[in-house]
Amino acid sequence: MGVDPSADAADGWVRLGRPPWWTPIVFFPPTLLALILSDIVVVSGISRHPVPFLARVGIACAVGVLVLGATAVISRLLSPPTMANLADRELKAGRRVASFADITQAKLRAGTTRRRRSIAVELKTDHGFRATVVLRAPSGRLRTDREAAVLREVVERSSIRMPTSPDDPRGAFARYNFPDNLTKEDTLALIEKPPDVGDPLPIASRT
């Protein structure tokens, strides 16, 4: 059963989730890598000079905060909030727009500690469009029932499938070749019940 578009905002767009500020740091490894490398470079540089240990620690922390802030801002710009328009069957991330039918891939993004778990799904087209929706944060779910219903509609009307490769055109080893990718059924199950810590993931995650 489809979702009634008349319940949406006046302009037809529904925001899917409200990701916290740390989302880019958790779900995009290059951000964390930039933070670590910058601190290594700075610490290595100041180690060649007679700087007191506490001063070195303070400088490293200050650089880490600056890089963390800068990379978070950049990642936010590269991965803006996702919105859906059921009437027009379009998904929007920033200024980029794609039709539901053009969405061909869904990827699992998971961050897990001993007590908490963050879950997101990344929706992609074959033409470079990418939209990330956070389903669970350490403090709990991020989306309302309405947002979940809209996201299910997006996925149901999408063309999500497992990718193939030239060496495996039939996709017999797609799970091995593309371990982060989800089927349409996997994605719908993830939306219905984002796994908490201790719950099994729909696919084996490397995070």
C-alpha atoms as a PDB file:
ATOM      1  CA  MET A   1       0.000   0.000   0.000  1.00  0.00           C
ATOM      2  CA  GLY A   2       1.410   3.375  -1.018  1.00  0.00           C
ATOM      3  CA  VAL A   3       1.835   6.428   1.192  1.00  0.00           C
ATOM      4  CA  ASP A   4      -0.606   9.308   0.776  1.00  0.00           C
ATOM      5  CA  PRO A   5       1.405  12.298  -0.578  1.00  0.00           C
ATOM      6  CA  SER A   6      -1.242  14.716   0.717  1.00  0.00           C
ATOM      7  CA  ALA A   7       0.183  14.237   4.215  1.00  0.00           C
ATOM      8  CA  ASP A   8       3.534  15.711   3.134  1.00  0.00           C
ATOM      9  CA  ALA A   9       4.857  19.242   3.490  1.00  0.00           C
ATOM     10  CA  ALA A  10       3.321  21.995   1.382  1.00  0.00           C
ATOM     11  CA  ASP A  11       6.078  21.734  -1.226  1.00  0.00           C
ATOM     12  CA  GLY A  12       5.844  17.932  -1.304  1.00  0.00           C
ATOM     13  CA  TRP A  13       9.277  17.258   0.195  1.00  0.00           C
ATOM     14  CA  VAL A  14       9.738  15.102   3.299  1.00  0.00           C
ATOM     15  CA  ARG A  15      13.026  15.139   5.166  1.00  0.00           C
ATOM     16  CA  LEU A  16      14.236  11.627   5.946  1.00  0.00           C
ATOM     17  CA  GLY A  17      15.883  11.608   9.337  1.00  0.00           C
ATOM     18  CA  ARG A  18      17.736  14.324  11.165  1.00  0.00           C
ATOM     19  CA  PRO A  19      21.375  13.177  11.280  1.00  0.00           C
ATOM     20  CA  PRO A  20      23.498  14.487  14.174  1.00  0.00           C
ATOM     21  CA  TRP A  21      26.667  16.497  13.566  1.00  0.00           C
ATOM     22  CA  TRP A  22      28.970  13.486  13.994  1.00  0.00           C
ATOM     23  CA  THR A  23      27.378  11.456  11.190  1.00  0.00           C
ATOM     24  CA  PRO A  24      30.061  12.267   8.587  1.00  0.00           C
ATOM     25  CA  ILE A  25      32.803  11.261  11.019  1.00  0.00           C
ATOM     26  CA  VAL A  26      31.255   7.862  11.763  1.00  0.00           C
ATOM     27  CA  PHE A  27      30.043   6.856   8.315  1.00  0.00           C
ATOM     28  CA  PHE A  28      32.759   8.301   6.064  1.00  0.00           C
ATOM     29  CA  PRO A  29      36.207   6.799   6.853  1.00  0.00           C
ATOM     30  CA  PRO A  30      38.190   9.436   4.847  1.00  0.00           C
ATOM     31  CA  THR A  31      37.098  12.018   7.420  1.00  0.00           C
ATOM     32  CA  LEU A  32      38.582  10.047  10.299  1.00  0.00           C
ATOM     33  CA  LEU A  33      41.681   9.234   8.230  1.00  0.00           C
ATOM     34  CA  ALA A  34      42.301  12.936   7.559  1.00  0.00           C
ATOM     35  CA  LEU A  35      42.045  13.650  11.286  1.00  0.00           C
ATOM     36  CA  ILE A  36      44.555  10.937  12.199  1.00  0.00           C
ATOM     37  CA  LEU A  37      47.053  11.827   9.465  1.00  0.00           C
ATOM     38  CA  SER A  38      47.000  15.527  10.296  1.00  0.00           C
ATOM     39  CA  ASP A  39      47.751  14.841  13.950  1.00  0.00           C
ATOM     40  CA  ILE A  40      50.583  12.467  12.995  1.00  0.00           C
ATOM     41  CA  VAL A  41      52.133  15.112  10.736  1.00  0.00           C
ATOM     42  CA  VAL A  42      51.882  17.830  13.378  1.00  0.00           C
ATOM     43  CA  VAL A  43      53.211  15.671  16.209  1.00  0.00           C
ATOM     44  CA  SER A  44      56.085  14.470  14.018  1.00  0.00           C
ATOM     45  CA  GLY A  45      56.907  18.063  13.110  1.00  0.00           C
ATOM     46  CA  ILE A  46      56.987  19.456  16.634  1.00  0.00           C
ATOM     47  CA  SER A  47      58.916  16.417  17.931  1.00  0.00           C
ATOM     48  CA  ARG A  48      61.997  17.788  16.151  1.00  0.00           C
ATOM     49  CA  HIS A  49      61.946  20.878  18.361  1.00  0.00           C
ATOM     50  CA  PRO A  50      62.484  21.285  22.125  1.00  0.00           C
ATOM     51  CA  VAL A  51      58.801  21.690  22.968  1.00  0.00           C
ATOM     52  CA  PRO A  52      57.538  20.548  26.409  1.00  0.00           C
ATOM     53  CA  PHE A  53      55.463  17.381  26.410  1.00  0.00           C
ATOM     54  CA  LEU A  54      52.279  19.068  27.664  1.00  0.00           C
ATOM     55  CA  ALA A  55      52.620  21.710  24.975  1.00  0.00           C
ATOM     56  CA  ARG A  56      52.875  18.968  22.347  1.00  0.00           C
ATOM     57  CA  VAL A  57      49.716  17.341  23.663  1.00  0.00           C
ATOM     58  CA  GLY A  58      47.892  20.662  23.630  1.00  0.00           C
ATOM     59  CA  ILE A  59      48.999  21.433  20.070  1.00  0.00           C
ATOM     60  CA  ALA A  60      47.974  17.961  18.872  1.00  0.00           C
ATOM     61  CA  CYS A  61      44.533  18.333  20.500  1.00  0.00           C
ATOM     62  CA  ALA A  62      44.029  21.795  19.016  1.00  0.00           C
ATOM     63  CA  VAL A  63      44.925  20.574  15.540  1.00  0.00           C
ATOM     64  CA  GLY A  64      42.617  17.603  15.980  1.00  0.00           C
ATOM     65  CA  VAL A  65      39.692  19.873  16.898  1.00  0.00           C
ATOM     66  CA  LEU A  66      40.330  22.152  13.912  1.00  0.00           C
ATOM     67  CA  VAL A  67      40.622  19.267  11.452  1.00  0.00           C
ATOM     68  CA  LEU A  68      37.575  17.555  12.955  1.00  0.00           C
ATOM     69  CA  GLY A  69      35.501  20.687  12.503  1.00  0.00           C
ATOM     70  CA  ALA A  70      36.723  21.318   8.963  1.00  0.00           C
ATOM     71  CA  THR A  71      36.205  17.733   7.808  1.00  0.00           C
ATOM     72  CA  ALA A  72      32.755  17.607   9.400  1.00  0.00           C
ATOM     73  CA  VAL A  73      31.727  20.739   7.506  1.00  0.00           C
ATOM     74  CA  ILE A  74      33.132  19.422   4.230  1.00  0.00           C
ATOM     75  CA  SER A  75      31.489  16.024   4.712  1.00  0.00           C
ATOM     76  CA  ARG A  76      28.172  17.716   5.478  1.00  0.00           C
ATOM     77  CA  LEU A  77      28.416  19.633   2.213  1.00  0.00           C
ATOM     78  CA  LEU A  78      29.247  16.436   0.331  1.00  0.00           C
ATOM     79  CA  SER A  79      26.493  14.455   2.087  1.00  0.00           C
ATOM     80  CA  PRO A  80      23.570  16.822   2.743  1.00  0.00           C
ATOM     81  CA  PRO A  81      20.250  15.785   4.348  1.00  0.00           C
ATOM     82  CA  THR A  82      18.067  13.547   2.201  1.00  0.00           C
ATOM     83  CA  MET A  83      14.525  14.501   1.186  1.00  0.00           C
ATOM     84  CA  ALA A  84      11.854  12.616  -0.761  1.00  0.00           C
ATOM     85  CA  ASN A  85       8.923  13.794  -2.862  1.00  0.00           C
ATOM     86  CA  LEU A  86       6.324  11.060  -3.256  1.00  0.00           C
ATOM     87  CA  ALA A  87       4.152  12.974  -5.705  1.00  0.00           C
ATOM     88  CA  ASP A  88       7.033  13.448  -8.137  1.00  0.00           C
ATOM     89  CA  ARG A  89       8.786  10.211  -7.094  1.00  0.00           C
ATOM     90  CA  GLU A  90      12.072  12.020  -6.584  1.00  0.00           C
ATOM     91  CA  LEU A  91      14.853  11.869  -4.003  1.00  0.00           C
ATOM     92  CA  LYS A  92      16.989  14.922  -3.232  1.00  0.00           C
ATOM     93  CA  ALA A  93      20.368  15.316  -1.542  1.00  0.00           C
ATOM     94  CA  GLY A  94      21.491  18.919  -1.521  1.00  0.00           C
ATOM     95  CA  ARG A  95      20.872  20.298  -4.997  1.00  0.00           C
ATOM     96  CA  ARG A  96      21.023  16.926  -6.711  1.00  0.00           C
ATOM     97  CA  VAL A  97      17.796  15.123  -7.557  1.00  0.00           C
ATOM     98  CA  ALA A  98      17.164  11.584  -8.802  1.00  0.00           C
ATOM     99  CA  SER A  99      14.001   9.646  -9.551  1.00  0.00           C
ATOM    100  CA  PHE A 100      13.147   6.672  -7.370  1.00  0.00           C
ATOM    101  CA  ALA A 101      13.462   4.360 -10.377  1.00  0.00           C
ATOM    102  CA  ASP A 102      17.046   5.520 -10.996  1.00  0.00           C
ATOM    103  CA  ILE A 103      18.204   4.296  -7.588  1.00  0.00           C
ATOM    104  CA  THR A 104      20.033   1.042  -8.283  1.00  0.00           C
ATOM    105  CA  GLN A 105      22.154   0.423  -5.190  1.00  0.00           C
ATOM    106  CA  ALA A 106      21.736   0.446  -1.435  1.00  0.00           C
ATOM    107  CA  LYS A 107      24.686   0.124   0.920  1.00  0.00           C
ATOM    108  CA  LEU A 108      24.818  -0.574   4.631  1.00  0.00           C
ATOM    109  CA  ARG A 109      26.786   1.855   6.792  1.00  0.00           C
ATOM    110  CA  ALA A 110      27.232   0.623  10.352  1.00  0.00           C
ATOM    111  CA  GLY A 111      29.278   1.837  13.293  1.00  0.00           C
ATOM    112  CA  THR A 112      29.314  -0.394  16.361  1.00  0.00           C
ATOM    113  CA  THR A 113      30.861  -0.223  19.826  1.00  0.00           C
ATOM    114  CA  ARG A 114      30.325  -2.604  22.735  1.00  0.00           C
ATOM    115  CA  ARG A 115      27.155  -0.826  23.849  1.00  0.00           C
ATOM    116  CA  ARG A 116      25.959   1.297  20.953  1.00  0.00           C
ATOM    117  CA  ARG A 117      25.338   1.063  17.240  1.00  0.00           C
ATOM    118  CA  SER A 118      24.785   3.541  14.410  1.00  0.00           C
ATOM    119  CA  ILE A 119      23.011   2.391  11.246  1.00  0.00           C
ATOM    120  CA  ALA A 120      22.587   4.202   7.936  1.00  0.00           C
ATOM    121  CA  VAL A 121      21.628   3.245   4.409  1.00  0.00           C
ATOM    122  CA  GLU A 122      23.245   4.875   1.392  1.00  0.00           C
ATOM    123  CA  LEU A 123      21.134   5.033  -1.776  1.00  0.00           C
ATOM    124  CA  LYS A 124      22.951   5.455  -5.101  1.00  0.00           C
ATOM    125  CA  THR A 125      22.277   5.712  -8.821  1.00  0.00           C
ATOM    126  CA  ASP A 126      24.523   4.675 -11.692  1.00  0.00           C
ATOM    127  CA  HIS A 127      25.163   8.340 -12.474  1.00  0.00           C
ATOM    128  CA  GLY A 128      26.865   9.520  -9.288  1.00  0.00           C
ATOM    129  CA  PHE A 129      23.872  10.505  -7.151  1.00  0.00           C
ATOM    130  CA  ARG A 130      24.205   9.486  -3.503  1.00  0.00           C
ATOM    131  CA  ALA A 131      21.898  10.021  -0.537  1.00  0.00           C
ATOM    132  CA  THR A 132      22.468   8.791   3.015  1.00  0.00           C
ATOM    133  CA  VAL A 133      19.687   8.225   5.543  1.00  0.00           C
ATOM    134  CA  VAL A 134      20.574   7.545   9.188  1.00  0.00           C
ATOM    135  CA  LEU A 135      18.200   4.963  10.652  1.00  0.00           C
ATOM    136  CA  ARG A 136      19.692   4.523  14.109  1.00  0.00           C
ATOM    137  CA  ALA A 137      22.013   6.613  16.263  1.00  0.00           C
ATOM    138  CA  PRO A 138      23.596   5.648  19.589  1.00  0.00           C
ATOM    139  CA  SER A 139      20.717   7.421  21.355  1.00  0.00           C
ATOM    140  CA  GLY A 140      18.075   5.496  19.401  1.00  0.00           C
ATOM    141  CA  ARG A 141      16.126   5.758  16.156  1.00  0.00           C
ATOM    142  CA  LEU A 142      16.266   9.027  14.276  1.00  0.00           C
ATOM    143  CA  ARG A 143      13.234   8.833  12.003  1.00  0.00           C
ATOM    144  CA  THR A 144       9.543   9.012  12.730  1.00  0.00           C
ATOM    145  CA  ASP A 145       7.010   6.418  11.588  1.00  0.00           C
ATOM    146  CA  ARG A 146       6.009   8.807   8.814  1.00  0.00           C
ATOM    147  CA  GLU A 147       9.593   9.138   7.591  1.00  0.00           C
ATOM    148  CA  ALA A 148      10.026   5.374   7.719  1.00  0.00           C
ATOM    149  CA  ALA A 149       6.881   4.904   5.613  1.00  0.00           C
ATOM    150  CA  VAL A 150       8.128   7.404   3.040  1.00  0.00           C
ATOM    151  CA  LEU A 151      11.542   5.737   2.897  1.00  0.00           C
ATOM    152  CA  ARG A 152       9.905   2.337   2.390  1.00  0.00           C
ATOM    153  CA  GLU A 153       7.961   3.818  -0.516  1.00  0.00           C
ATOM    154  CA  VAL A 154      11.194   5.146  -2.025  1.00  0.00           C
ATOM    155  CA  VAL A 155      12.856   1.749  -1.795  1.00  0.00           C
ATOM    156  CA  GLU A 156       9.836  -0.173  -3.075  1.00  0.00           C
ATOM    157  CA  ARG A 157       9.700   2.042  -6.185  1.00  0.00           C
ATOM    158  CA  SER A 158      13.467   1.896  -6.709  1.00  0.00           C
ATOM    159  CA  SER A 159      15.516  -0.400  -8.954  1.00  0.00           C
ATOM    160  CA  ILE A 160      17.831  -1.575  -6.169  1.00  0.00           C
ATOM    161  CA  ARG A 161      19.715  -4.753  -7.016  1.00  0.00           C
ATOM    162  CA  MET A 162      23.031  -6.404  -6.246  1.00  0.00           C
ATOM    163  CA  PRO A 163      25.810  -5.141  -8.542  1.00  0.00           C
ATOM    164  CA  THR A 164      27.626  -7.413 -10.976  1.00  0.00           C
ATOM    165  CA  SER A 165      31.181  -7.391 -12.290  1.00  0.00           C
ATOM    166  CA  PRO A 166      32.707  -8.343 -15.676  1.00  0.00           C
ATOM    167  CA  ASP A 167      34.144 -11.479 -14.062  1.00  0.00           C
ATOM    168  CA  ASP A 168      30.775 -12.385 -12.545  1.00  0.00           C
ATOM    169  CA  PRO A 169      28.078 -11.063 -14.908  1.00  0.00           C
ATOM    170  CA  ARG A 170      25.348 -13.218 -13.350  1.00  0.00           C
ATOM    171  CA  GLY A 171      26.095 -12.047  -9.812  1.00  0.00           C
ATOM    172  CA  ALA A 172      26.724 -15.508  -8.390  1.00  0.00           C
ATOM    173  CA  PHE A 173      29.407 -14.075  -6.087  1.00  0.00           C
ATOM    174  CA  ALA A 174      27.887 -10.630  -5.624  1.00  0.00           C
ATOM    175  CA  ARG A 175      27.723 -11.010  -1.838  1.00  0.00           C
ATOM    176  CA  TYR A 176      31.475 -11.667  -1.799  1.00  0.00           C
ATOM    177  CA  ASN A 177      32.413  -9.012  -4.352  1.00  0.00           C
ATOM    178  CA  PHE A 178      30.153  -6.310  -2.886  1.00  0.00           C
ATOM    179  CA  PRO A 179      29.898  -7.099   0.851  1.00  0.00           C
ATOM    180  CA  ASP A 180      28.370  -3.731   1.809  1.00  0.00           C
ATOM    181  CA  ASN A 181      25.551  -3.838  -0.738  1.00  0.00           C
ATOM    182  CA  LEU A 182      21.958  -4.668   0.131  1.00  0.00           C
ATOM    183  CA  THR A 183      19.144  -6.210  -1.864  1.00  0.00           C
ATOM    184  CA  LYS A 184      15.808  -4.416  -1.957  1.00  0.00           C
ATOM    185  CA  GLU A 185      14.466  -6.923   0.574  1.00  0.00           C
ATOM    186  CA  ASP A 186      17.473  -6.346   2.870  1.00  0.00           C
ATOM    187  CA  THR A 187      16.926  -2.601   2.713  1.00  0.00           C
ATOM    188  CA  LEU A 188      13.233  -2.834   3.554  1.00  0.00           C
ATOM    189  CA  ALA A 189      14.016  -5.079   6.525  1.00  0.00           C
ATOM    190  CA  LEU A 190      16.635  -2.582   7.703  1.00  0.00           C
ATOM    191  CA  ILE A 191      14.107   0.257   7.565  1.00  0.00           C
ATOM    192  CA  GLU A 192      11.467  -1.773   9.380  1.00  0.00           C
ATOM    193  CA  LYS A 193      13.764  -2.615  12.273  1.00  0.00           C
ATOM    194  CA  PRO A 194      17.218  -0.989  12.379  1.00  0.00           C
ATOM    195  CA  PRO A 195      19.373  -3.528  14.286  1.00  0.00           C
ATOM    196  CA  ASP A 196      20.494  -2.502  17.734  1.00  0.00           C
ATOM    197  CA  VAL A 197      23.655  -3.775  19.426  1.00  0.00           C
ATOM    198  CA  GLY A 198      23.458  -7.562  19.592  1.00  0.00           C
ATOM    199  CA  ASP A 199      20.916  -7.811  16.773  1.00  0.00           C
ATOM    200  CA  PRO A 200      22.084  -9.471  13.553  1.00  0.00           C
ATOM    201  CA  LEU A 201      22.749  -7.241  10.554  1.00  0.00           C
ATOM    202  CA  PRO A 202      21.066  -8.116   7.238  1.00  0.00           C
ATOM    203  CA  ILE A 203      24.538  -8.648   5.774  1.00  0.00           C
ATOM    204  CA  ALA A 204      28.000  -9.201   7.199  1.00  0.00           C
ATOM    205  CA  SER A 205      29.407  -5.760   7.969  1.00  0.00           C
ATOM    206  CA  ARG A 206      33.079  -4.892   7.961  1.00  0.00           C
ATOM    207  CA  THR A 207      32.538  -2.110  10.504  1.00  0.00           C
END
